[in-house]
Amino acid sequence: MTAKQVLVVCAVLCGYCFPARAHRTATEPPHDPIVRLAELEIDPAQLDNYKAALKEEIATSVRVEPGVLKLYAVSVKDHPNQIRMFEMYKDQASYQAHLKTSHFKQYKAKTQKMVRALTLIETEPILLGSQSR
């Protein structure tokens, strides 16, 4: 196989393995996903109310916002009032649109006095893998 043929095969394989990037034009800006982590401490007396509001907000966001790719919430073992969230959005525009939705604003207003501490962590995705089931 010639060097030119090897390059053609590599180009075809890259297009097959990475279709989202392969169809991008030179003038089109990249649409890398936005991944954020959040660490929350919830008032223990308000934990059940907080969880109910969070479940409603996540369910609505995932159902109605195409740019919301993943929203996961977990609690720290043996510390149920310490919540950790993993959020993934299609791109920056999707994240900004999420912040402006009525359901997100309602969640923030409803839970404002339940949240004792909130730390948002900006990230740089390295590798995002998942398995379809």
C-alpha atoms as a PDB file:
ATOM      1  CA  MET A   1       0.000   0.000   0.000  1.00  0.00           C
ATOM      2  CA  THR A   2       1.369   3.418  -0.952  1.00  0.00           C
ATOM      3  CA  ALA A   3       1.655   6.299   1.489  1.00  0.00           C
ATOM      4  CA  LYS A   4      -1.173   8.069  -0.364  1.00  0.00           C
ATOM      5  CA  GLN A   5      -3.441   5.021   0.005  1.00  0.00           C
ATOM      6  CA  VAL A   6      -2.630   4.829   3.741  1.00  0.00           C
ATOM      7  CA  LEU A   7      -3.601   8.489   4.150  1.00  0.00           C
ATOM      8  CA  VAL A   8      -6.888   7.916   2.316  1.00  0.00           C
ATOM      9  CA  VAL A   9      -7.715   4.907   4.508  1.00  0.00           C
ATOM     10  CA  CYS A  10      -6.863   6.893   7.663  1.00  0.00           C
ATOM     11  CA  ALA A  11      -9.045   9.782   6.531  1.00  0.00           C
ATOM     12  CA  VAL A  12     -11.972   7.453   5.856  1.00  0.00           C
ATOM     13  CA  LEU A  13     -11.561   5.738   9.230  1.00  0.00           C
ATOM     14  CA  CYS A  14     -11.377   9.061  11.064  1.00  0.00           C
ATOM     15  CA  GLY A  15     -14.566  10.183   9.349  1.00  0.00           C
ATOM     16  CA  TYR A  16     -16.247   6.945  10.374  1.00  0.00           C
ATOM     17  CA  CYS A  17     -15.034   7.006  13.995  1.00  0.00           C
ATOM     18  CA  PHE A  18     -15.562  10.722  14.562  1.00  0.00           C
ATOM     19  CA  PRO A  19     -18.555  11.711  12.404  1.00  0.00           C
ATOM     20  CA  ALA A  20     -19.463  14.905  14.284  1.00  0.00           C
ATOM     21  CA  ARG A  21     -16.054  16.417  13.629  1.00  0.00           C
ATOM     22  CA  ALA A  22     -15.741  14.981  10.108  1.00  0.00           C
ATOM     23  CA  HIS A  23     -18.777  16.924   8.853  1.00  0.00           C
ATOM     24  CA  ARG A  24     -17.618  20.263  10.228  1.00  0.00           C
ATOM     25  CA  THR A  25     -16.496  22.855   7.684  1.00  0.00           C
ATOM     26  CA  ALA A  26     -13.384  24.961   8.120  1.00  0.00           C
ATOM     27  CA  THR A  27     -15.449  28.050   8.965  1.00  0.00           C
ATOM     28  CA  GLU A  28     -17.779  26.281  11.399  1.00  0.00           C
ATOM     29  CA  PRO A  29     -16.850  26.810  15.072  1.00  0.00           C
ATOM     30  CA  PRO A  30     -16.265  23.710  17.202  1.00  0.00           C
ATOM     31  CA  HIS A  31     -19.190  22.493  19.303  1.00  0.00           C
ATOM     32  CA  ASP A  32     -17.366  20.830  22.136  1.00  0.00           C
ATOM     33  CA  PRO A  33     -19.576  19.706  24.990  1.00  0.00           C
ATOM     34  CA  ILE A  34     -19.688  21.739  28.172  1.00  0.00           C
ATOM     35  CA  VAL A  35     -19.132  19.640  31.278  1.00  0.00           C
ATOM     36  CA  ARG A  36     -19.678  21.108  34.713  1.00  0.00           C
ATOM     37  CA  LEU A  37     -19.524  19.688  38.186  1.00  0.00           C
ATOM     38  CA  ALA A  38     -21.440  21.088  41.118  1.00  0.00           C
ATOM     39  CA  GLU A  39     -20.934  20.435  44.804  1.00  0.00           C
ATOM     40  CA  LEU A  40     -23.895  21.342  46.991  1.00  0.00           C
ATOM     41  CA  GLU A  41     -24.577  21.205  50.686  1.00  0.00           C
ATOM     42  CA  ILE A  42     -28.275  21.077  51.475  1.00  0.00           C
ATOM     43  CA  ASP A  43     -30.004  21.961  54.756  1.00  0.00           C
ATOM     44  CA  PRO A  44     -30.699  18.492  56.224  1.00  0.00           C
ATOM     45  CA  ALA A  45     -34.164  19.595  57.352  1.00  0.00           C
ATOM     46  CA  GLN A  46     -34.977  20.481  53.720  1.00  0.00           C
ATOM     47  CA  LEU A  47     -33.352  17.462  52.036  1.00  0.00           C
ATOM     48  CA  ASP A  48     -36.554  15.708  50.943  1.00  0.00           C
ATOM     49  CA  ASN A  49     -37.986  18.937  49.520  1.00  0.00           C
ATOM     50  CA  TYR A  50     -34.707  19.638  47.734  1.00  0.00           C
ATOM     51  CA  LYS A  51     -34.569  16.157  46.190  1.00  0.00           C
ATOM     52  CA  ALA A  52     -38.140  16.513  44.919  1.00  0.00           C
ATOM     53  CA  ALA A  53     -37.358  19.870  43.290  1.00  0.00           C
ATOM     54  CA  LEU A  54     -34.118  18.520  41.805  1.00  0.00           C
ATOM     55  CA  LYS A  55     -35.822  15.443  40.344  1.00  0.00           C
ATOM     56  CA  GLU A  56     -38.459  17.649  38.717  1.00  0.00           C
ATOM     57  CA  GLU A  57     -35.857  20.019  37.273  1.00  0.00           C
ATOM     58  CA  ILE A  58     -33.652  17.247  35.880  1.00  0.00           C
ATOM     59  CA  ALA A  59     -36.586  15.336  34.370  1.00  0.00           C
ATOM     60  CA  THR A  60     -37.918  18.472  32.676  1.00  0.00           C
ATOM     61  CA  SER A  61     -34.517  19.621  31.406  1.00  0.00           C
ATOM     62  CA  VAL A  62     -33.672  16.259  29.865  1.00  0.00           C
ATOM     63  CA  ARG A  63     -37.149  15.900  28.363  1.00  0.00           C
ATOM     64  CA  VAL A  64     -37.542  19.353  26.767  1.00  0.00           C
ATOM     65  CA  GLU A  65     -34.018  20.657  26.108  1.00  0.00           C
ATOM     66  CA  PRO A  66     -32.200  18.949  23.224  1.00  0.00           C
ATOM     67  CA  GLY A  67     -28.910  20.592  24.290  1.00  0.00           C
ATOM     68  CA  VAL A  68     -28.972  18.966  27.728  1.00  0.00           C
ATOM     69  CA  LEU A  69     -27.078  15.728  27.184  1.00  0.00           C
ATOM     70  CA  LYS A  70     -26.675  14.443  30.751  1.00  0.00           C
ATOM     71  CA  LEU A  71     -27.663  15.533  34.242  1.00  0.00           C
ATOM     72  CA  TYR A  72     -26.646  13.213  37.059  1.00  0.00           C
ATOM     73  CA  ALA A  73     -27.129  13.863  40.775  1.00  0.00           C
ATOM     74  CA  VAL A  74     -25.681  11.724  43.557  1.00  0.00           C
ATOM     75  CA  SER A  75     -25.112  12.137  47.273  1.00  0.00           C
ATOM     76  CA  VAL A  76     -21.894  11.467  49.127  1.00  0.00           C
ATOM     77  CA  LYS A  77     -22.098   8.129  50.921  1.00  0.00           C
ATOM     78  CA  ASP A  78     -23.031   8.595  54.604  1.00  0.00           C
ATOM     79  CA  HIS A  79     -23.594  12.334  53.930  1.00  0.00           C
ATOM     80  CA  PRO A  80     -26.959  12.518  52.150  1.00  0.00           C
ATOM     81  CA  ASN A  81     -27.098  16.312  52.329  1.00  0.00           C
ATOM     82  CA  GLN A  82     -23.902  16.608  50.242  1.00  0.00           C
ATOM     83  CA  ILE A  83     -25.021  16.460  46.621  1.00  0.00           C
ATOM     84  CA  ARG A  84     -22.718  16.171  43.622  1.00  0.00           C
ATOM     85  CA  MET A  85     -23.912  16.877  40.117  1.00  0.00           C
ATOM     86  CA  PHE A  86     -22.462  16.063  36.695  1.00  0.00           C
ATOM     87  CA  GLU A  87     -23.873  18.190  33.881  1.00  0.00           C
ATOM     88  CA  MET A  88     -23.151  17.852  30.171  1.00  0.00           C
ATOM     89  CA  TYR A  89     -24.471  20.203  27.509  1.00  0.00           C
ATOM     90  CA  LYS A  90     -24.089  20.011  23.727  1.00  0.00           C
ATOM     91  CA  ASP A  91     -22.244  23.337  23.648  1.00  0.00           C
ATOM     92  CA  GLN A  92     -21.982  26.719  25.350  1.00  0.00           C
ATOM     93  CA  ALA A  93     -25.153  28.003  23.668  1.00  0.00           C
ATOM     94  CA  SER A  94     -27.116  25.031  25.053  1.00  0.00           C
ATOM     95  CA  TYR A  95     -25.812  25.700  28.556  1.00  0.00           C
ATOM     96  CA  GLN A  96     -26.742  29.392  28.337  1.00  0.00           C
ATOM     97  CA  ALA A  97     -30.210  28.481  27.010  1.00  0.00           C
ATOM     98  CA  HIS A  98     -30.676  26.058  29.944  1.00  0.00           C
ATOM     99  CA  LEU A  99     -29.988  28.838  32.447  1.00  0.00           C
ATOM    100  CA  LYS A 100     -32.752  30.946  30.879  1.00  0.00           C
ATOM    101  CA  THR A 101     -35.516  28.313  30.950  1.00  0.00           C
ATOM    102  CA  SER A 102     -38.498  28.839  33.196  1.00  0.00           C
ATOM    103  CA  HIS A 103     -38.106  25.402  34.803  1.00  0.00           C
ATOM    104  CA  PHE A 104     -34.481  26.100  35.779  1.00  0.00           C
ATOM    105  CA  LYS A 105     -35.353  29.539  37.162  1.00  0.00           C
ATOM    106  CA  GLN A 106     -38.224  27.989  39.123  1.00  0.00           C
ATOM    107  CA  TYR A 107     -35.880  25.323  40.554  1.00  0.00           C
ATOM    108  CA  LYS A 108     -33.356  27.993  41.618  1.00  0.00           C
ATOM    109  CA  ALA A 109     -36.050  30.096  43.307  1.00  0.00           C
ATOM    110  CA  LYS A 110     -37.625  27.109  45.034  1.00  0.00           C
ATOM    111  CA  THR A 111     -34.324  25.738  46.382  1.00  0.00           C
ATOM    112  CA  GLN A 112     -32.503  28.990  47.153  1.00  0.00           C
ATOM    113  CA  LYS A 113     -33.013  28.755  50.928  1.00  0.00           C
ATOM    114  CA  MET A 114     -32.389  24.980  50.980  1.00  0.00           C
ATOM    115  CA  VAL A 115     -28.849  25.253  49.599  1.00  0.00           C
ATOM    116  CA  ARG A 116     -26.258  26.086  52.257  1.00  0.00           C
ATOM    117  CA  ALA A 117     -23.265  25.984  49.910  1.00  0.00           C
ATOM    118  CA  LEU A 118     -22.734  25.685  46.159  1.00  0.00           C
ATOM    119  CA  THR A 119     -19.444  25.268  44.312  1.00  0.00           C
ATOM    120  CA  LEU A 120     -19.460  25.159  40.507  1.00  0.00           C
ATOM    121  CA  ILE A 121     -16.442  23.560  38.876  1.00  0.00           C
ATOM    122  CA  GLU A 122     -15.541  24.329  35.271  1.00  0.00           C
ATOM    123  CA  THR A 123     -13.908  21.401  33.481  1.00  0.00           C
ATOM    124  CA  GLU A 124     -12.020  20.550  30.313  1.00  0.00           C
ATOM    125  CA  PRO A 125     -13.294  17.232  28.974  1.00  0.00           C
ATOM    126  CA  ILE A 126     -10.524  14.719  28.327  1.00  0.00           C
ATOM    127  CA  LEU A 127     -12.502  11.638  27.357  1.00  0.00           C
ATOM    128  CA  LEU A 128     -16.253  11.212  27.577  1.00  0.00           C
ATOM    129  CA  GLY A 129     -17.256   7.593  27.127  1.00  0.00           C
ATOM    130  CA  SER A 130     -20.565   5.882  27.618  1.00  0.00           C
ATOM    131  CA  GLN A 131     -22.236   2.675  26.660  1.00  0.00           C
ATOM    132  CA  SER A 132     -25.679   2.391  25.102  1.00  0.00           C
ATOM    133  CA  ARG A 133     -27.883  -0.116  26.871  1.00  0.00           C
END
